[in-house]
């Protein structure tokens, strides 16, 4: 009888006050931490300089929308869970030994079904958040790589622009020497022609 009574007590224990209820609380804290991580990643992406294309901005906006959707869904689920928990706590506080009646198996099964659905929904949300964090991290790494590439390109362009005055000066000197040599050759040819004509007529 004692064993049987203990079994009945475990069956009539409020669902959200049981071990499963504590698991839901732990899962909620884990999801909340994941949401904070995703938010931090989005903020780090926002601190990056604007990309030359709209792809990065579109990706960042999409991640913001995803974060907002997950946060809203998580808050809604958390509110429903807390409402159920508060309701059960209230029912437990006003229940007395005199009017206490064990829950029927059908009622317990319904509560179990509701709990399992909520728990599965929380696990699914957790998996989706993990996937989105991975995507956000990969996108952040890609944007960082693009940023480094742009910096290298900017450095090269700066080096080339610094070298251009030297190149222009060198080309100017070469052209000046060519013009000077052409002028000297022209003078020499002119003098030689005059001397030749003078020699012929005398």
N, C-alpha and C. Protein backbone atom coordinates (compact mmCIF):
# COMPACT_ATOMS: atom_id res chain seq x y z
N UNK A 1 0.82 -1.20 0.00
CA UNK A 1 0.00 0.00 0.00
C UNK A 1 0.86 1.26 0.00
N UNK A 2 1.94 1.22 0.80
CA UNK A 2 2.81 2.39 0.87
C UNK A 2 3.43 2.68 -0.48
N UNK A 3 3.87 1.59 -1.17
CA UNK A 3 4.46 1.78 -2.49
C UNK A 3 3.43 2.31 -3.46
N UNK A 4 2.20 1.77 -3.35
CA UNK A 4 1.12 2.20 -4.23
C UNK A 4 0.79 3.67 -4.00
N UNK A 5 0.77 4.09 -2.75
CA UNK A 5 0.47 5.48 -2.43
C UNK A 5 1.55 6.41 -2.98
N UNK A 6 2.80 5.97 -2.88
CA UNK A 6 3.88 6.79 -3.41
C UNK A 6 3.75 6.95 -4.92
N UNK A 7 3.36 5.86 -5.58
CA UNK A 7 3.16 5.95 -7.02
C UNK A 7 2.05 6.89 -7.36
N UNK A 8 0.94 6.86 -6.57
CA UNK A 8 -0.16 7.78 -6.83
C UNK A 8 0.27 9.22 -6.62
N UNK A 9 1.11 9.47 -5.58
CA UNK A 9 1.57 10.82 -5.31
C UNK A 9 2.39 11.36 -6.47
N UNK A 10 3.24 10.49 -7.08
CA UNK A 10 4.06 10.96 -8.19
C UNK A 10 3.22 11.26 -9.41
N UNK A 11 2.11 10.52 -9.58
CA UNK A 11 1.24 10.76 -10.73
C UNK A 11 0.45 12.04 -10.57
N UNK A 12 0.09 12.36 -9.32
CA UNK A 12 -0.74 13.55 -9.09
C UNK A 12 0.07 14.80 -8.87
N UNK A 13 1.40 14.69 -8.90
CA UNK A 13 2.24 15.87 -8.74
C UNK A 13 2.05 16.78 -9.93
N UNK A 14 1.91 18.10 -9.75
CA UNK A 14 1.75 19.02 -10.87
C UNK A 14 2.86 18.84 -11.89
N UNK A 15 2.48 18.88 -13.16
CA UNK A 15 3.42 18.58 -14.22
C UNK A 15 4.59 19.55 -14.24
N UNK A 16 4.33 20.86 -14.17
CA UNK A 16 5.39 21.84 -14.30
C UNK A 16 6.23 21.98 -13.05
N UNK A 17 5.84 21.31 -11.95
CA UNK A 17 6.66 21.32 -10.74
C UNK A 17 7.53 20.09 -10.66
N UNK A 18 7.43 19.21 -11.64
CA UNK A 18 8.18 17.96 -11.64
C UNK A 18 9.56 18.18 -12.25
N UNK A 19 10.27 17.05 -12.42
CA UNK A 19 11.60 17.11 -13.03
C UNK A 19 11.54 17.68 -14.44
N UNK A 20 10.48 17.36 -15.15
CA UNK A 20 10.34 17.89 -16.50
C UNK A 20 10.18 19.41 -16.49
N UNK A 21 9.51 19.91 -15.48
CA UNK A 21 9.38 21.36 -15.36
C UNK A 21 10.72 22.03 -15.19
N UNK A 22 11.59 21.41 -14.40
CA UNK A 22 12.94 21.97 -14.24
C UNK A 22 13.72 21.90 -15.54
N UNK A 23 13.47 20.84 -16.32
CA UNK A 23 14.13 20.74 -17.63
C UNK A 23 13.69 21.86 -18.56
N UNK A 24 12.41 22.20 -18.48
CA UNK A 24 11.90 23.31 -19.29
C UNK A 24 12.57 24.61 -18.88
N UNK A 25 12.72 24.82 -17.58
CA UNK A 25 13.39 26.03 -17.10
C UNK A 25 14.83 26.10 -17.62
N UNK A 26 15.53 24.95 -17.56
CA UNK A 26 16.91 24.92 -18.04
C UNK A 26 16.98 25.18 -19.54
N UNK A 27 16.03 24.58 -20.29
CA UNK A 27 16.00 24.82 -21.73
C UNK A 27 15.72 26.28 -22.04
N UNK A 28 14.84 26.90 -21.26
CA UNK A 28 14.55 28.32 -21.46
C UNK A 28 15.78 29.19 -21.25
N UNK A 29 16.55 28.88 -20.20
CA UNK A 29 17.78 29.65 -19.95
C UNK A 29 18.79 29.46 -21.07
N UNK A 30 18.86 28.22 -21.58
CA UNK A 30 19.80 27.95 -22.67
C UNK A 30 19.41 28.71 -23.94
N UNK A 31 18.12 28.71 -24.25
CA UNK A 31 17.65 29.44 -25.43
C UNK A 31 17.89 30.94 -25.27
N UNK A 32 17.65 31.43 -24.07
CA UNK A 32 17.88 32.86 -23.81
C UNK A 32 19.34 33.23 -24.02
N UNK A 33 20.25 32.34 -23.58
CA UNK A 33 21.68 32.58 -23.78
C UNK A 33 22.03 32.56 -25.27
N UNK A 34 21.42 31.63 -26.02
CA UNK A 34 21.67 31.57 -27.46
C UNK A 34 21.17 32.82 -28.17
N UNK A 35 20.04 33.32 -27.74
CA UNK A 35 19.51 34.56 -28.32
C UNK A 35 20.45 35.73 -28.06
N UNK A 36 21.02 35.77 -26.86
CA UNK A 36 21.97 36.83 -26.54
C UNK A 36 23.22 36.72 -27.42
N UNK A 37 23.67 35.47 -27.66
CA UNK A 37 24.83 35.28 -28.53
C UNK A 37 24.53 35.75 -29.95
N UNK A 38 23.35 35.39 -30.44
CA UNK A 38 22.95 35.81 -31.78
C UNK A 38 22.84 37.33 -31.87
N UNK A 39 22.34 37.95 -30.81
CA UNK A 39 22.24 39.41 -30.77
C UNK A 39 23.63 40.04 -30.80
N UNK A 40 24.56 39.45 -30.05
CA UNK A 40 25.93 39.98 -30.03
C UNK A 40 26.58 39.87 -31.40
N UNK A 41 26.34 38.75 -32.09
CA UNK A 41 26.90 38.58 -33.43
C UNK A 41 26.35 39.62 -34.38
N UNK A 42 25.04 39.87 -34.30
CA UNK A 42 24.43 40.89 -35.16
C UNK A 42 25.00 42.27 -34.88
N UNK A 43 25.24 42.57 -33.60
CA UNK A 43 25.82 43.87 -33.25
C UNK A 43 27.24 44.00 -33.79
N UNK A 44 28.01 42.91 -33.73
CA UNK A 44 29.36 42.94 -34.27
C UNK A 44 29.33 43.15 -35.78
N UNK A 45 28.38 42.52 -36.45
CA UNK A 45 28.24 42.71 -37.89
C UNK A 45 27.83 44.14 -38.22
N UNK A 46 27.02 44.75 -37.34
CA UNK A 46 26.58 46.13 -37.57
C UNK A 46 27.73 47.11 -37.44
N UNK A 47 28.74 46.77 -36.62
CA UNK A 47 29.88 47.66 -36.42
C UNK A 47 30.83 47.68 -37.61
N UNK A 48 30.68 46.75 -38.54
CA UNK A 48 31.57 46.71 -39.69
C UNK A 48 31.23 47.84 -40.66
N UNK A 49 32.24 48.29 -41.44
CA UNK A 49 31.96 49.35 -42.42
C UNK A 49 31.02 48.85 -43.50
N UNK A 50 30.21 49.73 -44.09
CA UNK A 50 29.26 49.31 -45.13
C UNK A 50 29.99 48.69 -46.31
N UNK A 51 29.42 47.64 -46.85
CA UNK A 51 30.01 46.96 -48.00
C UNK A 51 29.69 47.73 -49.28
N UNK A 52 30.49 47.48 -50.30
CA UNK A 52 30.24 48.14 -51.57
C UNK A 52 29.02 47.57 -52.27
N UNK A 53 28.60 46.39 -51.90
CA UNK A 53 27.41 45.77 -52.47
C UNK A 53 26.32 45.70 -51.42
N UNK A 54 25.11 45.42 -51.89
CA UNK A 54 23.98 45.35 -50.97
C UNK A 54 23.82 43.99 -50.32
N UNK A 55 24.70 43.03 -50.68
CA UNK A 55 24.54 41.68 -50.13
C UNK A 55 24.72 41.67 -48.63
N UNK A 56 25.77 42.35 -48.15
CA UNK A 56 26.05 42.34 -46.70
C UNK A 56 24.92 43.00 -45.93
N UNK A 57 24.42 44.13 -46.43
CA UNK A 57 23.33 44.82 -45.75
C UNK A 57 22.06 43.98 -45.74
N UNK A 58 21.80 43.31 -46.86
CA UNK A 58 20.62 42.44 -46.92
C UNK A 58 20.75 41.28 -45.94
N UNK A 59 21.95 40.70 -45.87
CA UNK A 59 22.18 39.59 -44.94
C UNK A 59 22.01 40.04 -43.50
N UNK A 60 22.58 41.20 -43.18
CA UNK A 60 22.46 41.72 -41.81
C UNK A 60 21.00 41.99 -41.46
N UNK A 61 20.25 42.58 -42.39
CA UNK A 61 18.84 42.87 -42.13
C UNK A 61 18.06 41.58 -41.93
N UNK A 62 18.39 40.56 -42.73
CA UNK A 62 17.70 39.27 -42.60
C UNK A 62 17.97 38.65 -41.23
N UNK A 63 19.21 38.72 -40.76
CA UNK A 63 19.54 38.17 -39.45
C UNK A 63 18.84 38.95 -38.34
N UNK A 64 18.68 40.23 -38.51
CA UNK A 64 17.94 41.02 -37.51
C UNK A 64 16.48 40.58 -37.45
N UNK A 65 15.89 40.34 -38.62
CA UNK A 65 14.50 39.90 -38.65
C UNK A 65 14.36 38.51 -38.02
N UNK A 66 15.32 37.64 -38.32
CA UNK A 66 15.28 36.29 -37.73
C UNK A 66 15.40 36.37 -36.21
N UNK A 67 16.32 37.21 -35.73
CA UNK A 67 16.49 37.37 -34.29
C UNK A 67 15.21 37.90 -33.65
N UNK A 68 14.57 38.87 -34.30
CA UNK A 68 13.32 39.42 -33.76
C UNK A 68 12.22 38.36 -33.71
N UNK A 69 12.13 37.53 -34.76
CA UNK A 69 11.12 36.48 -34.79
C UNK A 69 11.35 35.46 -33.68
N UNK A 70 12.60 35.03 -33.53
CA UNK A 70 12.90 34.03 -32.51
C UNK A 70 12.69 34.59 -31.11
N UNK A 71 13.07 35.85 -30.92
CA UNK A 71 12.88 36.46 -29.60
C UNK A 71 11.40 36.57 -29.27
N UNK A 72 10.60 36.98 -30.25
CA UNK A 72 9.15 37.09 -30.03
C UNK A 72 8.53 35.72 -29.73
N UNK A 73 8.94 34.71 -30.51
CA UNK A 73 8.39 33.37 -30.31
C UNK A 73 8.81 32.80 -28.96
N UNK A 74 10.06 33.05 -28.58
CA UNK A 74 10.55 32.56 -27.29
C UNK A 74 9.81 33.23 -26.14
N UNK A 75 9.63 34.54 -26.23
CA UNK A 75 8.91 35.26 -25.17
C UNK A 75 7.47 34.79 -25.06
N UNK A 76 6.85 34.52 -26.20
CA UNK A 76 5.47 34.04 -26.18
C UNK A 76 5.38 32.67 -25.52
N UNK A 77 6.30 31.77 -25.90
CA UNK A 77 6.31 30.44 -25.29
C UNK A 77 6.61 30.51 -23.80
N UNK A 78 7.54 31.39 -23.44
CA UNK A 78 7.90 31.54 -22.03
C UNK A 78 6.73 32.09 -21.22
N UNK A 79 5.99 33.02 -21.79
CA UNK A 79 4.82 33.56 -21.09
C UNK A 79 3.75 32.49 -20.89
N UNK A 80 3.52 31.67 -21.92
CA UNK A 80 2.54 30.59 -21.79
C UNK A 80 2.96 29.59 -20.71
N UNK A 81 4.25 29.28 -20.70
CA UNK A 81 4.76 28.34 -19.70
C UNK A 81 4.59 28.90 -18.29
N UNK A 82 4.95 30.16 -18.11
CA UNK A 82 4.84 30.77 -16.78
C UNK A 82 3.38 30.89 -16.34
N UNK A 83 2.49 31.16 -17.31
CA UNK A 83 1.07 31.23 -16.97
C UNK A 83 0.57 29.88 -16.48
N UNK A 84 0.96 28.81 -17.16
CA UNK A 84 0.56 27.47 -16.71
C UNK A 84 1.14 27.15 -15.35
N UNK A 85 2.41 27.51 -15.18
CA UNK A 85 3.07 27.21 -13.91
C UNK A 85 2.41 27.97 -12.76
N UNK A 86 2.11 29.25 -12.99
CA UNK A 86 1.45 30.04 -11.95
C UNK A 86 0.06 29.48 -11.63
N UNK A 87 -0.62 29.03 -12.64
CA UNK A 87 -1.95 28.46 -12.43
C UNK A 87 -1.87 27.19 -11.59
N UNK A 88 -0.90 26.34 -11.89
CA UNK A 88 -0.76 25.10 -11.12
C UNK A 88 -0.31 25.40 -9.70
N UNK A 89 0.59 26.38 -9.55
CA UNK A 89 1.02 26.74 -8.20
C UNK A 89 -0.15 27.27 -7.37
N UNK A 90 -1.01 28.05 -8.02
CA UNK A 90 -2.17 28.58 -7.32
C UNK A 90 -3.14 27.47 -6.93
N UNK A 91 -3.36 26.54 -7.84
CA UNK A 91 -4.25 25.41 -7.54
C UNK A 91 -3.68 24.55 -6.41
N UNK A 92 -2.37 24.40 -6.41
CA UNK A 92 -1.74 23.60 -5.37
C UNK A 92 -1.83 24.27 -4.01
N UNK A 93 -1.72 25.61 -3.99
CA UNK A 93 -1.73 26.32 -2.72
C UNK A 93 -3.10 26.29 -2.05
N UNK A 94 -4.17 26.27 -2.85
CA UNK A 94 -5.52 26.29 -2.27
C UNK A 94 -6.10 24.89 -2.09
N UNK A 95 -5.37 23.90 -2.55
CA UNK A 95 -5.87 22.53 -2.43
C UNK A 95 -5.68 22.04 -0.99
N UNK A 96 -6.63 21.40 -0.47
CA UNK A 96 -6.56 20.84 0.88
C UNK A 96 -6.66 19.32 0.81
N UNK A 97 -6.30 18.71 1.92
CA UNK A 97 -6.38 17.26 1.99
C UNK A 97 -7.82 16.76 1.86
N UNK A 98 -8.76 17.58 2.30
CA UNK A 98 -10.16 17.14 2.30
C UNK A 98 -10.71 17.03 0.89
N UNK A 99 -10.47 18.05 0.08
CA UNK A 99 -11.04 18.01 -1.27
C UNK A 99 -10.02 17.60 -2.32
N UNK A 100 -8.85 17.14 -1.88
CA UNK A 100 -7.82 16.71 -2.82
C UNK A 100 -8.25 15.43 -3.50
N UNK A 101 -8.20 15.42 -4.82
CA UNK A 101 -8.55 14.24 -5.59
C UNK A 101 -7.45 13.99 -6.61
N UNK A 102 -7.00 12.74 -6.67
CA UNK A 102 -5.96 12.43 -7.64
C UNK A 102 -6.44 12.73 -9.05
N UNK A 103 -5.52 13.18 -9.85
CA UNK A 103 -5.86 13.46 -11.24
C UNK A 103 -6.15 12.17 -11.98
N UNK A 104 -7.10 12.22 -12.85
CA UNK A 104 -7.43 11.05 -13.65
C UNK A 104 -6.33 10.81 -14.67
N UNK A 105 -6.27 9.57 -15.11
CA UNK A 105 -5.23 9.23 -16.09
C UNK A 105 -5.43 9.99 -17.39
N UNK A 106 -6.69 10.21 -17.78
CA UNK A 106 -6.93 10.94 -19.02
C UNK A 106 -6.49 12.39 -18.90
N UNK A 107 -6.74 13.02 -17.74
CA UNK A 107 -6.30 14.40 -17.54
C UNK A 107 -4.79 14.50 -17.53
N UNK A 108 -4.14 13.53 -16.89
CA UNK A 108 -2.68 13.52 -16.86
C UNK A 108 -2.11 13.33 -18.25
N UNK A 109 -2.74 12.47 -19.03
CA UNK A 109 -2.26 12.24 -20.39
C UNK A 109 -2.38 13.50 -21.24
N UNK A 110 -3.47 14.23 -21.04
CA UNK A 110 -3.62 15.47 -21.79
C UNK A 110 -2.53 16.48 -21.43
N UNK A 111 -2.25 16.56 -20.13
CA UNK A 111 -1.19 17.48 -19.70
C UNK A 111 0.17 17.04 -20.24
N UNK A 112 0.38 15.72 -20.24
CA UNK A 112 1.64 15.20 -20.78
C UNK A 112 1.77 15.54 -22.26
N UNK A 113 0.67 15.39 -23.00
CA UNK A 113 0.71 15.70 -24.43
C UNK A 113 1.03 17.18 -24.66
N UNK A 114 0.38 18.04 -23.87
CA UNK A 114 0.65 19.47 -24.01
C UNK A 114 2.10 19.80 -23.68
N UNK A 115 2.58 19.17 -22.62
CA UNK A 115 3.97 19.43 -22.23
C UNK A 115 4.95 18.96 -23.31
N UNK A 116 4.70 17.75 -23.83
CA UNK A 116 5.60 17.21 -24.85
C UNK A 116 5.62 18.09 -26.09
N UNK A 117 4.46 18.61 -26.46
CA UNK A 117 4.41 19.50 -27.62
C UNK A 117 5.20 20.78 -27.37
N UNK A 118 5.04 21.34 -26.17
CA UNK A 118 5.78 22.56 -25.85
C UNK A 118 7.28 22.28 -25.77
N UNK A 119 7.63 21.15 -25.18
CA UNK A 119 9.04 20.81 -25.07
C UNK A 119 9.67 20.59 -26.44
N UNK A 120 8.93 19.93 -27.33
CA UNK A 120 9.43 19.70 -28.68
C UNK A 120 9.57 21.03 -29.43
N UNK A 121 8.64 21.93 -29.19
CA UNK A 121 8.71 23.25 -29.83
C UNK A 121 9.95 24.01 -29.34
N UNK A 122 10.23 23.92 -28.05
CA UNK A 122 11.41 24.59 -27.50
C UNK A 122 12.69 23.99 -28.07
N UNK A 123 12.74 22.65 -28.16
CA UNK A 123 13.93 22.01 -28.72
C UNK A 123 14.12 22.40 -30.18
N UNK A 124 13.01 22.46 -30.93
CA UNK A 124 13.09 22.86 -32.33
C UNK A 124 13.60 24.29 -32.46
N UNK A 125 13.11 25.17 -31.60
CA UNK A 125 13.58 26.56 -31.62
C UNK A 125 15.06 26.64 -31.28
N UNK A 126 15.50 25.80 -30.34
CA UNK A 126 16.91 25.79 -29.96
C UNK A 126 17.79 25.35 -31.13
N UNK A 127 17.33 24.32 -31.85
CA UNK A 127 18.10 23.85 -33.01
C UNK A 127 18.16 24.93 -34.09
N UNK A 128 17.04 25.59 -34.33
CA UNK A 128 17.02 26.64 -35.34
C UNK A 128 17.93 27.80 -34.96
N UNK A 129 17.94 28.14 -33.68
CA UNK A 129 18.82 29.23 -33.23
C UNK A 129 20.28 28.83 -33.40
N UNK A 130 20.62 27.56 -33.09
CA UNK A 130 21.99 27.09 -33.30
C UNK A 130 22.39 27.23 -34.77
N UNK A 131 21.47 26.83 -35.66
CA UNK A 131 21.76 26.93 -37.10
C UNK A 131 21.98 28.38 -37.51
N UNK A 132 21.13 29.27 -37.00
CA UNK A 132 21.25 30.68 -37.38
C UNK A 132 22.52 31.30 -36.81
N UNK A 133 22.93 30.86 -35.62
CA UNK A 133 24.19 31.37 -35.07
C UNK A 133 25.36 30.92 -35.93
N UNK A 134 25.32 29.66 -36.39
CA UNK A 134 26.39 29.16 -37.27
C UNK A 134 26.43 29.96 -38.56
N UNK A 135 25.24 30.22 -39.14
CA UNK A 135 25.19 31.00 -40.37
C UNK A 135 25.71 32.42 -40.13
N UNK A 136 25.31 33.00 -39.00
CA UNK A 136 25.75 34.36 -38.69
C UNK A 136 27.26 34.42 -38.51
N UNK A 137 27.83 33.41 -37.85
CA UNK A 137 29.28 33.38 -37.64
C UNK A 137 30.01 33.24 -38.97
N UNK A 138 29.50 32.34 -39.84
CA UNK A 138 30.11 32.17 -41.16
C UNK A 138 30.02 33.45 -41.98
N UNK A 139 28.87 34.11 -41.91
CA UNK A 139 28.71 35.36 -42.64
C UNK A 139 29.65 36.43 -42.10
N UNK A 140 29.79 36.46 -40.78
CA UNK A 140 30.70 37.44 -40.16
C UNK A 140 32.14 37.18 -40.62
N UNK A 141 32.55 35.90 -40.65
CA UNK A 141 33.90 35.58 -41.10
C UNK A 141 34.09 35.97 -42.57
N UNK A 142 33.06 35.74 -43.37
CA UNK A 142 33.14 36.12 -44.78
C UNK A 142 33.26 37.64 -44.94
N UNK A 143 32.48 38.37 -44.15
CA UNK A 143 32.56 39.83 -44.20
C UNK A 143 33.92 40.33 -43.72
N UNK A 144 34.47 39.66 -42.70
CA UNK A 144 35.80 40.04 -42.23
C UNK A 144 36.84 39.80 -43.32
N UNK A 145 36.70 38.67 -44.04
CA UNK A 145 37.62 38.37 -45.14
C UNK A 145 37.50 39.42 -46.24
N UNK A 146 36.26 39.79 -46.57
CA UNK A 146 36.06 40.83 -47.57
C UNK A 146 36.65 42.16 -47.11
N UNK A 147 36.52 42.43 -45.84
CA UNK A 147 37.07 43.68 -45.31
C UNK A 147 38.59 43.70 -45.44
N UNK A 148 39.25 42.57 -45.12
CA UNK A 148 40.70 42.50 -45.25
C UNK A 148 41.12 42.64 -46.71
N UNK A 149 40.35 42.01 -47.61
CA UNK A 149 40.66 42.12 -49.04
C UNK A 149 40.56 43.57 -49.51
N UNK A 150 39.51 44.27 -49.06
CA UNK A 150 39.35 45.67 -49.44
C UNK A 150 40.49 46.53 -48.87
N UNK A 151 40.93 46.20 -47.66
CA UNK A 151 42.05 46.95 -47.08
C UNK A 151 43.33 46.74 -47.89
N UNK A 152 43.57 45.47 -48.30
CA UNK A 152 44.76 45.19 -49.11
C UNK A 152 44.69 45.93 -50.44
N UNK A 153 43.51 45.91 -51.07
CA UNK A 153 43.35 46.61 -52.34
C UNK A 153 43.56 48.12 -52.16
N UNK A 154 43.02 48.65 -51.08
CA UNK A 154 43.19 50.08 -50.81
C UNK A 154 44.66 50.43 -50.60
N UNK A 155 45.37 49.54 -49.90
CA UNK A 155 46.81 49.77 -49.67
C UNK A 155 47.58 49.76 -50.99
N UNK A 156 47.24 48.79 -51.86
CA UNK A 156 47.93 48.73 -53.15
C UNK A 156 47.65 49.98 -53.99
N UNK A 157 46.39 50.40 -54.00
CA UNK A 157 46.06 51.61 -54.76
C UNK A 157 46.79 52.83 -54.20
N UNK A 158 46.91 52.86 -52.89
CA UNK A 158 47.64 53.97 -52.26
C UNK A 158 49.11 53.94 -52.66
N UNK A 159 49.70 52.74 -52.68
CA UNK A 159 51.10 52.62 -53.08
C UNK A 159 51.29 53.05 -54.54
N UNK A 160 50.37 52.62 -55.39
CA UNK A 160 50.47 52.99 -56.80
C UNK A 160 50.34 54.50 -56.98
N UNK A 161 49.38 55.09 -56.24
CA UNK A 161 49.20 56.54 -56.34
C UNK A 161 50.43 57.29 -55.84
N UNK A 162 51.11 56.72 -54.83
CA UNK A 162 52.33 57.36 -54.34
C UNK A 162 53.47 57.24 -55.34
N UNK A 163 53.47 56.14 -56.10
CA UNK A 163 54.54 55.94 -57.08
C UNK A 163 54.29 56.70 -58.38
N UNK A 164 53.07 57.09 -58.65
CA UNK A 164 52.76 57.77 -59.90
C UNK A 164 53.55 59.06 -60.11
N UNK A 165 53.71 59.91 -59.10
CA UNK A 165 54.53 61.12 -59.31
C UNK A 165 55.95 60.79 -59.76
N UNK A 166 56.52 59.73 -59.19
CA UNK A 166 57.87 59.33 -59.58
C UNK A 166 57.89 58.87 -61.03
N UNK A 167 56.89 58.08 -61.40
CA UNK A 167 56.81 57.59 -62.78
C UNK A 167 56.61 58.74 -63.75
N UNK A 168 55.73 59.67 -63.39
CA UNK A 168 55.49 60.82 -64.25
C UNK A 168 56.75 61.67 -64.41
N UNK A 169 57.47 61.84 -63.31
CA UNK A 169 58.71 62.61 -63.37
C UNK A 169 59.74 61.93 -64.27
N UNK A 170 59.82 60.60 -64.17
CA UNK A 170 60.76 59.85 -65.00
C UNK A 170 60.40 59.97 -66.47
N UNK A 171 59.10 59.83 -66.77
CA UNK A 171 58.67 59.96 -68.17
C UNK A 171 58.94 61.37 -68.70
N UNK A 172 58.74 62.35 -67.86
CA UNK A 172 59.01 63.73 -68.28
C UNK A 172 60.49 63.92 -68.62
N UNK A 173 61.35 63.37 -67.79
CA UNK A 173 62.79 63.50 -68.04
C UNK A 173 63.18 62.80 -69.32
N UNK A 174 62.61 61.60 -69.53
CA UNK A 174 62.93 60.87 -70.76
C UNK A 174 62.50 61.66 -71.99
N UNK A 175 61.28 62.18 -71.95
CA UNK A 175 60.78 62.96 -73.09
C UNK A 175 61.61 64.24 -73.29
N UNK A 176 62.00 64.86 -72.18
CA UNK A 176 62.82 66.07 -72.28
C UNK A 176 64.16 65.76 -72.95
N UNK A 177 64.76 64.63 -72.54
CA UNK A 177 66.04 64.26 -73.14
C UNK A 177 65.88 63.94 -74.62
N UNK A 178 64.76 63.28 -74.96
CA UNK A 178 64.53 62.97 -76.37
C UNK A 178 64.40 64.26 -77.19
N UNK A 179 63.64 65.21 -76.68
CA UNK A 179 63.49 66.47 -77.40
C UNK A 179 64.81 67.22 -77.51
N UNK A 180 65.57 67.17 -76.41
CA UNK A 180 66.87 67.85 -76.43
C UNK A 180 67.81 67.20 -77.43
N UNK A 181 67.85 65.87 -77.44
CA UNK A 181 68.71 65.17 -78.39
C UNK A 181 68.28 65.45 -79.83
N UNK A 182 66.95 65.48 -80.04
CA UNK A 182 66.46 65.77 -81.39
C UNK A 182 66.86 67.18 -81.82
N UNK A 183 66.78 68.11 -80.89
CA UNK A 183 67.16 69.48 -81.19
C UNK A 183 68.64 69.58 -81.53
N UNK A 184 69.47 68.89 -80.75
CA UNK A 184 70.92 68.92 -80.99
C UNK A 184 71.24 68.29 -82.34
N UNK A 185 70.61 67.16 -82.63
CA UNK A 185 70.85 66.50 -83.92
C UNK A 185 70.41 67.40 -85.07
N UNK A 186 69.29 68.08 -84.87
CA UNK A 186 68.82 69.00 -85.92
C UNK A 186 69.81 70.13 -86.17
N UNK A 187 70.37 70.69 -85.09
CA UNK A 187 71.35 71.76 -85.23
C UNK A 187 72.59 71.26 -85.95
N UNK A 188 73.06 70.07 -85.57
CA UNK A 188 74.25 69.49 -86.20
C UNK A 188 74.00 69.28 -87.69
N UNK A 189 72.83 68.73 -88.02
CA UNK A 189 72.51 68.50 -89.44
C UNK A 189 72.45 69.83 -90.20
N UNK A 190 71.86 70.85 -89.57
CA UNK A 190 71.76 72.17 -90.21
C UNK A 190 73.14 72.75 -90.47
N UNK A 191 74.03 72.69 -89.47
CA UNK A 191 75.38 73.23 -89.62
C UNK A 191 76.14 72.49 -90.71
N UNK A 192 76.00 71.15 -90.68
CA UNK A 192 76.69 70.35 -91.69
C UNK A 192 76.19 70.69 -93.09
N UNK A 193 74.89 70.92 -93.20
CA UNK A 193 74.32 71.27 -94.50
C UNK A 193 74.86 72.62 -94.98
N UNK A 194 74.94 73.62 -94.08
CA UNK A 194 75.47 74.93 -94.43
C UNK A 194 76.92 74.82 -94.89
N UNK A 195 77.70 74.06 -94.12
CA UNK A 195 79.12 73.90 -94.47
C UNK A 195 79.28 73.22 -95.82
N UNK A 196 78.42 72.22 -96.07
CA UNK A 196 78.50 71.50 -97.34
C UNK A 196 78.14 72.41 -98.51
N UNK A 197 77.09 73.20 -98.34
CA UNK A 197 76.69 74.13 -99.40
C UNK A 197 77.76 75.20 -99.64
N UNK A 198 78.35 75.67 -98.57
CA UNK A 198 79.42 76.69 -98.69
C UNK A 198 80.60 76.13 -99.46
N UNK A 199 80.94 74.89 -99.15
CA UNK A 199 82.07 74.26 -99.84
C UNK A 199 81.77 74.05 -101.32
N UNK A 200 80.54 73.72 -101.65
CA UNK A 200 80.18 73.47 -103.04
C UNK A 200 80.20 74.75 -103.87
N UNK A 201 79.73 75.87 -103.31
CA UNK A 201 79.65 77.10 -104.08
C UNK A 201 80.98 77.85 -104.13
N UNK A 202 81.91 77.49 -103.35
CA UNK A 202 83.22 78.15 -103.41
C UNK A 202 84.22 77.18 -104.05
